[in-house]
Amino acid sequence: MPSDRLRGWIVTLVIGLIAGVVRVWDLGRATDKGTPVFDEKYYAIQAWQMLRNGGYEDNPGYEVVAHPPVGKQLIAIGEWLFGYSPWSWRISAAVAGTIMVVLLVRIARRLTRSTLLGALAGILLICDGLSHVQSRVGMLDIFQALFVLAAFALLLVDRDQMRERLAVVVAEGRIGASRWGPRMGFRWWRFAAGVSLGLTCGVKWNGIYYIMAFGLLSVLWDALARRTAGVRRPWVGALVRDTVPALGSLLVLPLAVYFATWANWFASETATDRNAAIISSDVGMGFLPDPLRSLLYYQLNVLDFHTHLTTGNHPHPWESKPWAWPMGMRPMLYYYESGLPGCGGSNCVQATMLLGTPAMWWLALPVAAWSVWRAASRLDWRYTAVLVGYAAGYLPWFVNLDRQMYYFYATPMAPFLVLGIVLVLGEVLGSAREHTERRKTGLLLVALYVGLVVANFAWLWPILNGEPITQEHWQAELWLPSWR
């Protein structure tokens, strides 16, 4: 790691402060006449209901309770602190988006061993339109992205710590004591990653894909670390020594945390479907206690909801399929109103559009291709890690293309896109051992690119934040036909 530890934290906190200001700036502006916009109409209300009840929802007639409770409980914290208002049902998302920037600075610094590149990662995430908008609406996806990124960060620290432990064993001459290598002891960082993955599933079910992806990644890192240390049979050693503890921390623990997120539901008597096992003959699994049978019935209702959430004959006007996400080809219009004053004319437009900053998202495919090449040809573990995180949030959506899908599902992909770009920028910048002129040229190119991203974000600012603009300005913001 870089030796500038104090400077690294100062840079992290300064960029985090900038992110906080950008995320909360005029946070409550874009509303539907003071009411929630788009899916806020579900989550802000459900969070208020949870706040009234003590952490659970109790309206079975509403039965669009389509996701676990954690994200809505986090929204409820803002409503508890500031009452029921646009600012309050969005502030938790803004805090989550700010924390993501802080985490990404530390992650990129650890991946690249460079405080400069860590800082650039934070700046790029601040300027990502998708992350920005999702940090300013009362929806769930930013919370899932936060817990995914936290789990990734914790596993990175665990990886470094394990290699440090192996280095001690090598230095003491004990690496050959067993053909499988040493036992590594309890791994608290990986344990914390399991907690974070459980909370990921507690926001949305597709967190299960990150459990599988990060679990495999952790065991792969263990095997490669044992091989580097000189263990005679590193792959078998990882299988024998590391797989069972990994399953405990990254599978069993997340499932336990997921069920723990339903504690308020279990403690209630009036929550949605809480007594389904008693009042309905359709609930099977008679060998289970009634509360678990009722929860199973509830989960099956949710599964049925998602299974039948298909495009059909009436597609949503802003629906998009996953092949359009990497380059942000089909954004989402959350809010639009015309005929307003406030822009120097009599017919102003106010709009909030979910749109990834093109200077970043339009590079997604080249960056992905370069990452695959580096991971395959150079066995660069950093690119592999980033690809795993990106793919876990992307590829599973191709399983059922009939389902209704929207661009905001790509929210957890955004920080991994930034990390991929930053790894490429690190190669453009060049190693510290390079010639001075080479480093200066690389620094110039990196600075020009980051400046382009910041300028692109500034141009999109009015339609990311619902600022009043003229009709001509609104049309100028819509660069592609698919954005209309």
Protein backbone atom coordinates (compact mmCIF):
# COMPACT_ATOMS: atom_id res chain seq x y z
CA MET A 1 0.00 0.00 0.00
CA PRO A 2 1.14 3.63 -0.49
CA SER A 3 2.99 5.12 2.44
CA ASP A 4 1.00 8.41 2.35
CA ARG A 5 -1.66 7.12 4.71
CA LEU A 6 -2.59 10.49 6.22
CA ARG A 7 -2.74 12.20 2.84
CA GLY A 8 -4.83 9.32 1.56
CA TRP A 9 -7.45 9.83 4.25
CA ILE A 10 -7.45 13.61 3.79
CA VAL A 11 -8.06 13.16 0.05
CA THR A 12 -10.79 10.61 0.76
CA LEU A 13 -12.62 12.88 3.20
CA VAL A 14 -12.37 15.96 0.97
CA ILE A 15 -13.79 14.08 -2.01
CA GLY A 16 -16.45 12.56 0.26
CA LEU A 17 -17.43 16.07 1.40
CA ILE A 18 -17.72 17.23 -2.22
CA ALA A 19 -19.85 14.18 -2.99
CA GLY A 20 -22.14 14.95 -0.06
CA VAL A 21 -22.69 18.53 -1.21
CA VAL A 22 -23.38 17.45 -4.80
CA ARG A 23 -25.78 14.70 -3.73
CA VAL A 24 -27.91 16.82 -1.37
CA TRP A 25 -27.93 20.03 -3.43
CA ASP A 26 -31.57 21.09 -3.86
CA LEU A 27 -32.56 17.51 -2.99
CA GLY A 28 -36.29 18.08 -2.66
CA ARG A 29 -36.88 20.02 -5.88
CA ALA A 30 -38.18 17.57 -8.49
CA THR A 31 -41.56 16.26 -7.28
CA ASP A 32 -44.99 15.59 -8.71
CA LYS A 33 -46.61 18.63 -7.08
CA GLY A 34 -45.00 17.73 -3.77
CA THR A 35 -45.63 14.00 -4.05
CA PRO A 36 -43.16 11.21 -4.91
CA VAL A 37 -42.04 10.54 -8.49
CA PHE A 38 -41.90 7.19 -10.28
CA ASP A 39 -41.29 4.26 -7.85
CA GLU A 40 -40.87 6.65 -4.95
CA LYS A 41 -44.67 6.42 -4.90
CA TYR A 42 -44.23 2.89 -3.49
CA TYR A 43 -41.15 3.11 -1.33
CA ALA A 44 -41.65 6.48 0.34
CA ILE A 45 -45.14 5.43 1.39
CA GLN A 46 -44.08 1.94 2.48
CA ALA A 47 -41.23 3.45 4.51
CA TRP A 48 -43.68 5.80 6.23
CA GLN A 49 -45.90 2.82 6.97
CA MET A 50 -42.92 0.99 8.48
CA LEU A 51 -42.11 4.02 10.58
CA ARG A 52 -45.68 4.10 11.90
CA ASN A 53 -45.68 0.40 12.71
CA GLY A 54 -42.19 -0.10 14.07
CA GLY A 55 -40.42 -1.57 11.07
CA TYR A 56 -42.94 -3.58 9.09
CA GLU A 57 -45.70 -3.15 6.51
CA ASP A 58 -49.24 -4.17 7.34
CA ASN A 59 -51.40 -3.49 4.29
CA PRO A 60 -52.12 -6.84 2.59
CA GLY A 61 -54.43 -5.13 0.10
CA TYR A 62 -51.43 -3.12 -1.10
CA GLU A 63 -49.55 -6.41 -1.91
CA VAL A 64 -47.01 -4.69 -4.09
CA VAL A 65 -44.62 -5.39 -1.24
CA ALA A 66 -42.24 -6.75 -3.83
CA HIS A 67 -38.92 -6.44 -1.98
CA PRO A 68 -37.43 -7.24 1.44
CA PRO A 69 -37.49 -4.57 4.15
CA VAL A 70 -33.94 -3.19 4.49
CA GLY A 71 -34.04 -0.49 1.79
CA LYS A 72 -37.42 0.80 2.94
CA GLN A 73 -36.26 0.82 6.55
CA LEU A 74 -33.30 2.99 5.54
CA ILE A 75 -35.64 5.40 3.75
CA ALA A 76 -37.75 5.44 6.92
CA ILE A 77 -34.77 6.73 8.91
CA GLY A 78 -34.85 9.96 6.92
CA GLU A 79 -38.61 10.25 7.39
CA TRP A 80 -38.18 9.65 11.11
CA LEU A 81 -35.60 12.44 11.35
CA PHE A 82 -37.24 15.03 9.12
CA GLY A 83 -40.91 14.12 8.71
CA TYR A 84 -42.71 13.16 5.52
CA SER A 85 -41.31 15.34 2.75
CA PRO A 86 -39.36 14.93 -0.49
CA TRP A 87 -36.13 15.83 1.29
CA SER A 88 -36.69 13.30 4.03
CA TRP A 89 -37.53 10.29 1.84
CA ARG A 90 -34.43 11.02 -0.28
CA ILE A 91 -31.80 11.90 2.31
CA SER A 92 -30.92 8.29 3.15
CA ALA A 93 -30.25 7.61 -0.53
CA ALA A 94 -28.03 10.71 -0.68
CA VAL A 95 -26.05 9.52 2.32
CA ALA A 96 -25.69 6.06 0.74
CA GLY A 97 -24.45 7.61 -2.51
CA THR A 98 -21.93 9.71 -0.60
CA ILE A 99 -20.61 6.71 1.33
CA MET A 100 -20.20 4.87 -1.98
CA VAL A 101 -17.87 7.61 -3.21
CA VAL A 102 -15.77 7.34 -0.04
CA LEU A 103 -15.62 3.55 -0.38
CA LEU A 104 -14.66 3.74 -4.03
CA VAL A 105 -11.74 6.07 -3.29
CA ARG A 106 -10.40 3.53 -0.79
CA ILE A 107 -11.09 0.55 -3.08
CA ALA A 108 -9.35 2.11 -6.09
CA ARG A 109 -6.41 3.15 -3.90
CA ARG A 110 -6.06 -0.44 -2.69
CA LEU A 111 -6.41 -1.90 -6.19
CA THR A 112 -3.89 0.45 -7.81
CA ARG A 113 -1.68 1.30 -4.80
CA SER A 114 -2.12 4.95 -5.83
CA THR A 115 -3.80 7.75 -3.90
CA LEU A 116 -4.08 9.78 -7.10
CA LEU A 117 -6.02 7.05 -8.92
CA GLY A 118 -8.18 6.51 -5.84
CA ALA A 119 -9.08 10.19 -5.90
CA LEU A 120 -9.89 10.02 -9.62
CA ALA A 121 -12.24 7.08 -8.96
CA GLY A 122 -14.15 9.18 -6.43
CA ILE A 123 -14.40 12.11 -8.84
CA LEU A 124 -15.66 9.88 -11.65
CA LEU A 125 -18.35 8.33 -9.44
CA ILE A 126 -19.47 11.79 -8.31
CA CYS A 127 -19.87 12.68 -11.98
CA ASP A 128 -21.76 9.54 -12.98
CA GLY A 129 -25.29 10.62 -13.85
CA LEU A 130 -26.82 7.23 -13.00
CA SER A 131 -25.29 7.11 -9.52
CA HIS A 132 -26.11 10.77 -8.98
CA VAL A 133 -29.82 10.48 -9.79
CA GLN A 134 -30.26 7.22 -7.85
CA SER A 135 -28.65 8.97 -4.87
CA ARG A 136 -31.36 11.61 -5.06
CA VAL A 137 -34.54 9.53 -5.25
CA GLY A 138 -36.32 7.46 -2.64
CA MET A 139 -35.74 4.10 -4.33
CA LEU A 140 -33.92 0.93 -3.29
CA ASP A 141 -31.17 0.37 -5.83
CA ILE A 142 -28.61 2.77 -4.35
CA PHE A 143 -28.74 0.87 -1.05
CA GLN A 144 -28.08 -2.42 -2.78
CA ALA A 145 -25.19 -0.84 -4.68
CA LEU A 146 -23.77 0.42 -1.38
CA PHE A 147 -23.85 -2.99 0.30
CA VAL A 148 -22.39 -4.68 -2.80
CA LEU A 149 -19.53 -2.19 -2.89
CA ALA A 150 -18.96 -2.55 0.85
CA ALA A 151 -18.74 -6.34 0.50
CA PHE A 152 -16.25 -5.96 -2.35
CA ALA A 153 -14.13 -3.57 -0.27
CA LEU A 154 -14.12 -5.92 2.71
CA LEU A 155 -13.08 -8.88 0.56
CA LEU A 156 -10.20 -6.82 -0.86
CA VAL A 157 -8.93 -6.14 2.66
CA ASP A 158 -9.38 -9.83 3.51
CA ARG A 159 -7.32 -10.76 0.45
CA ASP A 160 -4.45 -8.53 1.51
CA GLN A 161 -4.62 -9.73 5.10
CA MET A 162 -4.48 -13.40 4.07
CA ARG A 163 -1.42 -12.77 1.92
CA GLU A 164 0.22 -11.01 4.86
CA ARG A 165 -0.45 -14.05 7.06
CA LEU A 166 0.99 -16.35 4.41
CA ALA A 167 4.07 -14.12 4.15
CA VAL A 168 4.66 -14.61 7.88
CA VAL A 169 4.42 -18.40 7.45
CA VAL A 170 6.89 -18.27 4.55
CA ALA A 171 9.30 -16.09 6.54
CA GLU A 172 9.17 -18.55 9.42
CA GLY A 173 9.86 -21.47 7.10
CA ARG A 174 6.61 -23.29 7.85
CA ILE A 175 5.01 -23.18 4.40
CA GLY A 176 6.07 -26.77 3.61
CA ALA A 177 4.73 -28.24 6.84
CA SER A 178 1.61 -29.36 4.98
CA ARG A 179 1.09 -30.01 1.29
CA TRP A 180 -2.15 -28.02 1.56
CA GLY A 181 -0.61 -25.04 3.29
CA PRO A 182 -1.50 -23.54 6.68
CA ARG A 183 -4.86 -22.81 8.18
CA MET A 184 -5.48 -19.09 8.05
CA GLY A 185 -7.46 -18.54 11.25
CA PHE A 186 -10.69 -16.61 11.56
CA ARG A 187 -11.12 -13.93 8.91
CA TRP A 188 -13.11 -11.04 10.32
CA TRP A 189 -13.03 -8.99 7.13
CA ARG A 190 -14.61 -11.83 5.17
CA PHE A 191 -17.14 -12.29 7.97
CA ALA A 192 -18.10 -8.60 7.66
CA ALA A 193 -18.39 -9.04 3.89
CA GLY A 194 -20.91 -11.82 4.55
CA VAL A 195 -22.96 -9.47 6.71
CA SER A 196 -22.93 -6.89 3.92
CA LEU A 197 -24.02 -9.49 1.36
CA GLY A 198 -26.90 -10.49 3.63
CA LEU A 199 -28.00 -6.86 3.74
CA THR A 200 -27.68 -6.76 -0.06
CA CYS A 201 -30.26 -9.54 -0.27
CA GLY A 202 -32.29 -7.70 2.38
CA VAL A 203 -32.70 -4.87 -0.12
CA LYS A 204 -33.39 -6.92 -3.25
CA TRP A 205 -33.28 -10.63 -3.97
CA ASN A 206 -30.80 -10.39 -6.82
CA GLY A 207 -28.16 -9.94 -4.15
CA ILE A 208 -27.91 -13.73 -4.29
CA TYR A 209 -25.86 -13.40 -7.48
CA TYR A 210 -23.25 -11.36 -5.64
CA ILE A 211 -23.08 -14.05 -2.94
CA MET A 212 -22.22 -16.63 -5.59
CA ALA A 213 -19.81 -14.40 -7.51
CA PHE A 214 -17.92 -13.02 -4.52
CA GLY A 215 -17.78 -16.44 -2.85
CA LEU A 216 -16.09 -17.95 -5.90
CA LEU A 217 -13.79 -14.93 -6.19
CA SER A 218 -12.68 -15.25 -2.56
CA VAL A 219 -11.81 -18.94 -2.90
CA LEU A 220 -9.97 -18.22 -6.18
CA TRP A 221 -7.90 -15.57 -4.40
CA ASP A 222 -7.13 -18.04 -1.62
CA ALA A 223 -5.87 -20.66 -4.09
CA LEU A 224 -3.70 -18.14 -5.97
CA ALA A 225 -2.27 -16.81 -2.70
CA ARG A 226 -1.32 -20.34 -1.62
CA ARG A 227 0.30 -20.96 -4.99
CA THR A 228 2.29 -17.73 -4.75
CA ALA A 229 3.46 -18.70 -1.26
CA GLY A 230 4.81 -22.01 -2.57
CA VAL A 231 2.17 -24.44 -1.25
CA ARG A 232 2.67 -27.79 -2.98
CA ARG A 233 -1.00 -28.36 -3.77
CA PRO A 234 -2.57 -24.87 -3.68
CA TRP A 235 -5.87 -25.68 -5.39
CA VAL A 236 -6.59 -28.68 -3.23
CA GLY A 237 -5.37 -26.68 -0.25
CA ALA A 238 -7.86 -23.92 -0.99
CA LEU A 239 -10.59 -26.53 -1.40
CA VAL A 240 -9.74 -28.27 1.88
CA ARG A 241 -8.71 -25.31 4.03
CA ASP A 242 -10.73 -22.38 2.70
CA THR A 243 -13.94 -23.56 1.04
CA VAL A 244 -15.87 -24.56 4.17
CA PRO A 245 -15.01 -21.34 6.07
CA ALA A 246 -15.88 -19.37 2.92
CA LEU A 247 -19.26 -21.09 2.71
CA GLY A 248 -19.87 -20.20 6.34
CA SER A 249 -18.99 -16.53 5.92
CA LEU A 250 -20.29 -15.93 2.40
CA LEU A 251 -23.31 -18.22 2.18
CA VAL A 252 -24.64 -19.33 5.56
CA LEU A 253 -24.04 -15.98 7.24
CA PRO A 254 -25.71 -13.90 4.48
CA LEU A 255 -28.77 -16.17 4.63
CA ALA A 256 -28.90 -15.76 8.41
CA VAL A 257 -28.60 -11.99 8.06
CA TYR A 258 -31.35 -12.00 5.44
CA PHE A 259 -33.78 -13.77 7.80
CA ALA A 260 -32.70 -11.43 10.60
CA THR A 261 -33.83 -8.46 8.49
CA TRP A 262 -37.37 -9.82 8.92
CA ALA A 263 -37.15 -9.58 12.73
CA ASN A 264 -39.79 -6.83 12.95
CA TRP A 265 -42.09 -8.84 10.70
CA PHE A 266 -41.72 -11.91 12.97
CA ALA A 267 -42.29 -9.77 16.08
CA SER A 268 -45.54 -8.32 14.75
CA GLU A 269 -49.07 -9.70 14.64
CA THR A 270 -50.45 -7.51 11.85
CA ALA A 271 -47.69 -7.44 9.20
CA THR A 272 -48.53 -8.42 5.64
CA ASP A 273 -49.22 -12.19 5.48
CA ARG A 274 -47.92 -12.57 9.04
CA ASN A 275 -50.64 -15.09 9.92
CA ALA A 276 -51.12 -16.62 6.49
CA ALA A 277 -50.31 -20.11 7.81
CA ILE A 278 -53.21 -19.87 10.26
CA ILE A 279 -55.90 -18.30 8.10
CA SER A 280 -55.12 -19.90 4.71
CA SER A 281 -55.28 -23.55 3.69
CA ASP A 282 -52.97 -22.88 0.74
CA VAL A 283 -49.86 -22.74 2.91
CA GLY A 284 -47.97 -26.04 2.88
CA MET A 285 -44.80 -27.12 4.67
CA GLY A 286 -46.76 -28.20 7.74
CA PHE A 287 -43.63 -29.44 9.52
CA LEU A 288 -42.38 -25.84 9.90
CA PRO A 289 -43.49 -23.45 12.66
CA ASP A 290 -46.36 -21.18 11.62
CA PRO A 291 -44.24 -17.99 11.45
CA LEU A 292 -41.79 -19.61 9.01
CA ARG A 293 -44.65 -21.05 6.95
CA SER A 294 -46.23 -17.60 6.77
CA LEU A 295 -42.93 -16.04 5.69
CA LEU A 296 -42.55 -18.73 3.03
CA TYR A 297 -46.07 -17.96 1.78
CA TYR A 298 -45.20 -14.27 1.68
CA GLN A 299 -41.96 -14.93 -0.23
CA LEU A 300 -43.79 -17.10 -2.76
CA ASN A 301 -46.27 -14.27 -3.35
CA VAL A 302 -43.35 -11.95 -4.02
CA LEU A 303 -41.79 -14.51 -6.35
CA ASP A 304 -45.09 -14.81 -8.21
CA PHE A 305 -45.21 -11.02 -8.56
CA HIS A 306 -41.74 -10.89 -10.12
CA THR A 307 -42.38 -13.93 -12.31
CA HIS A 308 -45.43 -12.31 -13.87
CA LEU A 309 -43.91 -8.85 -14.15
CA THR A 310 -43.53 -9.23 -17.89
CA THR A 311 -43.63 -6.83 -20.79
CA GLY A 312 -46.74 -8.41 -22.35
CA ASN A 313 -48.70 -6.34 -24.84
CA HIS A 314 -48.29 -3.09 -22.93
CA PRO A 315 -44.58 -2.35 -22.41
CA HIS A 316 -43.60 0.52 -20.17
CA PRO A 317 -42.57 3.51 -22.34
CA TRP A 318 -39.17 3.72 -20.63
CA GLU A 319 -38.50 0.01 -20.31
CA SER A 320 -35.06 -1.18 -21.45
CA LYS A 321 -33.34 -4.54 -21.85
CA PRO A 322 -29.89 -5.34 -20.47
CA TRP A 323 -28.10 -5.10 -23.80
CA ALA A 324 -28.86 -1.36 -23.74
CA TRP A 325 -27.41 -0.77 -20.26
CA PRO A 326 -23.61 -0.86 -20.74
CA MET A 327 -23.71 2.27 -22.89
CA GLY A 328 -26.86 3.76 -21.34
CA MET A 329 -28.73 3.69 -24.63
CA ARG A 330 -32.20 3.79 -23.06
CA PRO A 331 -32.38 6.09 -20.02
CA MET A 332 -35.45 6.66 -17.85
CA LEU A 333 -37.57 9.76 -17.46
CA TYR A 334 -38.58 9.94 -13.79
CA TYR A 335 -40.28 13.31 -13.92
CA TYR A 336 -41.34 15.82 -16.57
CA GLU A 337 -43.39 18.99 -16.46
CA SER A 338 -43.61 21.82 -18.98
CA GLY A 339 -45.20 25.24 -19.11
CA LEU A 340 -43.42 26.44 -15.97
CA PRO A 341 -41.71 29.76 -15.22
CA GLY A 342 -38.21 30.13 -13.87
CA CYS A 343 -35.85 29.80 -16.84
CA GLY A 344 -36.13 33.28 -18.29
CA GLY A 345 -39.08 32.32 -20.49
CA SER A 346 -42.76 31.49 -20.14
CA ASN A 347 -42.63 27.82 -21.18
CA CYS A 348 -39.91 26.14 -19.16
CA VAL A 349 -39.29 22.43 -18.75
CA GLN A 350 -38.48 20.62 -15.53
CA ALA A 351 -37.28 17.04 -15.95
CA THR A 352 -35.37 14.38 -14.05
CA MET A 353 -33.79 11.80 -16.34
CA LEU A 354 -31.82 8.77 -15.20
CA LEU A 355 -28.86 8.90 -17.53
CA GLY A 356 -25.30 7.61 -17.21
CA THR A 357 -22.68 10.20 -18.13
CA PRO A 358 -21.84 9.36 -21.77
CA ALA A 359 -18.14 10.21 -21.38
CA MET A 360 -17.99 7.21 -19.05
CA TRP A 361 -20.74 4.82 -20.10
CA TRP A 362 -19.97 4.97 -23.81
CA LEU A 363 -16.56 3.51 -22.97
CA ALA A 364 -18.09 0.50 -21.20
CA LEU A 365 -17.61 -2.01 -24.02
CA PRO A 366 -13.99 -1.04 -24.87
CA VAL A 367 -13.10 -1.05 -21.16
CA ALA A 368 -14.75 -4.46 -20.71
CA ALA A 369 -12.88 -5.88 -23.71
CA TRP A 370 -9.57 -4.52 -22.44
CA SER A 371 -10.30 -5.90 -18.97
CA VAL A 372 -11.01 -9.38 -20.35
CA TRP A 373 -7.77 -9.28 -22.34
CA ARG A 374 -5.72 -8.17 -19.32
CA ALA A 375 -7.35 -10.75 -17.07
CA ALA A 376 -6.82 -13.57 -19.57
CA SER A 377 -3.44 -12.75 -21.09
CA ARG A 378 -1.68 -11.09 -18.17
CA LEU A 379 -3.56 -12.81 -15.33
CA ASP A 380 -4.13 -9.40 -13.77
CA TRP A 381 -6.23 -10.13 -10.68
CA ARG A 382 -7.46 -6.55 -10.43
CA TYR A 383 -9.25 -6.66 -13.78
CA THR A 384 -10.64 -10.08 -12.90
CA ALA A 385 -12.10 -8.74 -9.65
CA VAL A 386 -13.71 -5.77 -11.37
CA LEU A 387 -15.15 -7.97 -14.11
CA VAL A 388 -16.66 -10.33 -11.53
CA GLY A 389 -18.38 -7.44 -9.74
CA TYR A 390 -19.64 -5.96 -13.01
CA ALA A 391 -20.83 -9.28 -14.44
CA ALA A 392 -22.67 -10.28 -11.24
CA GLY A 393 -24.84 -7.19 -11.63
CA TYR A 394 -25.32 -7.57 -15.36
CA LEU A 395 -25.36 -11.10 -16.78
CA PRO A 396 -28.17 -12.57 -14.59
CA TRP A 397 -30.68 -10.21 -16.22
CA PHE A 398 -30.34 -12.13 -19.50
CA VAL A 399 -31.92 -15.23 -17.93
CA ASN A 400 -35.48 -13.94 -18.38
CA LEU A 401 -35.70 -11.31 -21.08
CA ASP A 402 -39.52 -11.31 -21.02
CA ARG A 403 -39.44 -9.59 -17.65
CA GLN A 404 -39.97 -5.84 -17.39
CA MET A 405 -36.56 -4.24 -16.91
CA TYR A 406 -35.34 -0.71 -16.41
CA TYR A 407 -32.05 1.13 -16.56
CA PHE A 408 -31.95 1.72 -12.81
CA TYR A 409 -31.22 -2.01 -12.39
CA ALA A 410 -27.70 -1.11 -13.58
CA THR A 411 -27.02 1.00 -10.48
CA PRO A 412 -24.70 -1.57 -8.81
CA MET A 413 -22.71 -1.84 -12.07
CA ALA A 414 -21.67 1.82 -12.02
CA PRO A 415 -18.84 1.66 -9.43
CA PHE A 416 -17.30 -1.35 -11.18
CA LEU A 417 -17.40 0.54 -14.48
CA VAL A 418 -15.55 3.37 -12.74
CA LEU A 419 -12.96 0.94 -11.35
CA GLY A 420 -12.40 -0.52 -14.82
CA ILE A 421 -11.87 2.98 -16.26
CA VAL A 422 -9.50 3.88 -13.43
CA LEU A 423 -7.39 0.76 -14.03
CA VAL A 424 -7.08 1.81 -17.67
CA LEU A 425 -6.20 5.38 -16.62
CA GLY A 426 -3.48 3.91 -14.43
CA GLU A 427 -1.93 2.27 -17.48
CA VAL A 428 -2.20 5.51 -19.45
CA LEU A 429 -0.52 7.35 -16.58
CA GLY A 430 2.28 4.80 -16.49
CA SER A 431 4.42 3.36 -13.74
CA ALA A 432 6.47 5.53 -11.39
CA ARG A 433 9.55 3.88 -12.95
CA GLU A 434 8.69 5.31 -16.37
CA HIS A 435 10.60 8.17 -17.98
CA THR A 436 9.51 11.62 -16.77
CA GLU A 437 8.31 12.71 -20.21
CA ARG A 438 6.22 9.54 -20.52
CA ARG A 439 4.62 10.20 -17.14
CA LYS A 440 3.86 13.82 -17.99
CA THR A 441 2.19 12.81 -21.25
CA GLY A 442 0.13 10.19 -19.45
CA LEU A 443 -0.86 12.68 -16.77
CA LEU A 444 -1.98 15.16 -19.44
CA LEU A 445 -4.16 12.57 -21.14
CA VAL A 446 -5.69 11.47 -17.84
CA ALA A 447 -6.38 15.09 -16.84
CA LEU A 448 -8.03 15.80 -20.20
CA TYR A 449 -10.27 12.76 -19.86
CA VAL A 450 -11.35 13.54 -16.30
CA GLY A 451 -12.01 17.13 -17.34
CA LEU A 452 -14.21 15.84 -20.17
CA VAL A 453 -16.22 13.72 -17.72
CA VAL A 454 -16.69 16.67 -15.35
CA ALA A 455 -17.79 18.92 -18.23
CA ASN A 456 -20.21 16.26 -19.50
CA PHE A 457 -21.72 15.93 -16.02
CA ALA A 458 -22.04 19.71 -15.72
CA TRP A 459 -23.86 19.84 -19.07
CA LEU A 460 -26.33 17.17 -17.94
CA TRP A 461 -26.85 18.75 -14.51
CA PRO A 462 -30.22 20.44 -15.30
CA ILE A 463 -31.91 17.20 -16.43
CA LEU A 464 -30.32 15.16 -13.65
CA ASN A 465 -31.69 17.49 -10.98
CA GLY A 466 -34.96 18.85 -12.39
CA GLU A 467 -33.71 22.39 -12.94
CA PRO A 468 -35.97 24.68 -15.03
CA ILE A 469 -34.66 25.01 -18.57
CA THR A 470 -36.01 26.27 -21.87
CA GLN A 471 -37.57 23.97 -24.45
CA GLU A 472 -34.55 24.55 -26.68
CA HIS A 473 -32.15 23.56 -23.90
CA TRP A 474 -34.22 20.44 -23.18
CA GLN A 475 -34.01 19.34 -26.81
CA ALA A 476 -30.26 20.00 -26.81
CA GLU A 477 -29.85 17.64 -23.84
CA LEU A 478 -31.41 14.72 -25.73
CA TRP A 479 -28.46 13.59 -27.83
CA LEU A 480 -29.81 10.31 -29.21
CA PRO A 481 -33.22 9.27 -30.57
CA SER A 482 -33.36 6.50 -27.95
CA TRP A 483 -33.22 9.14 -25.21
CA ARG A 484 -36.59 10.55 -26.28
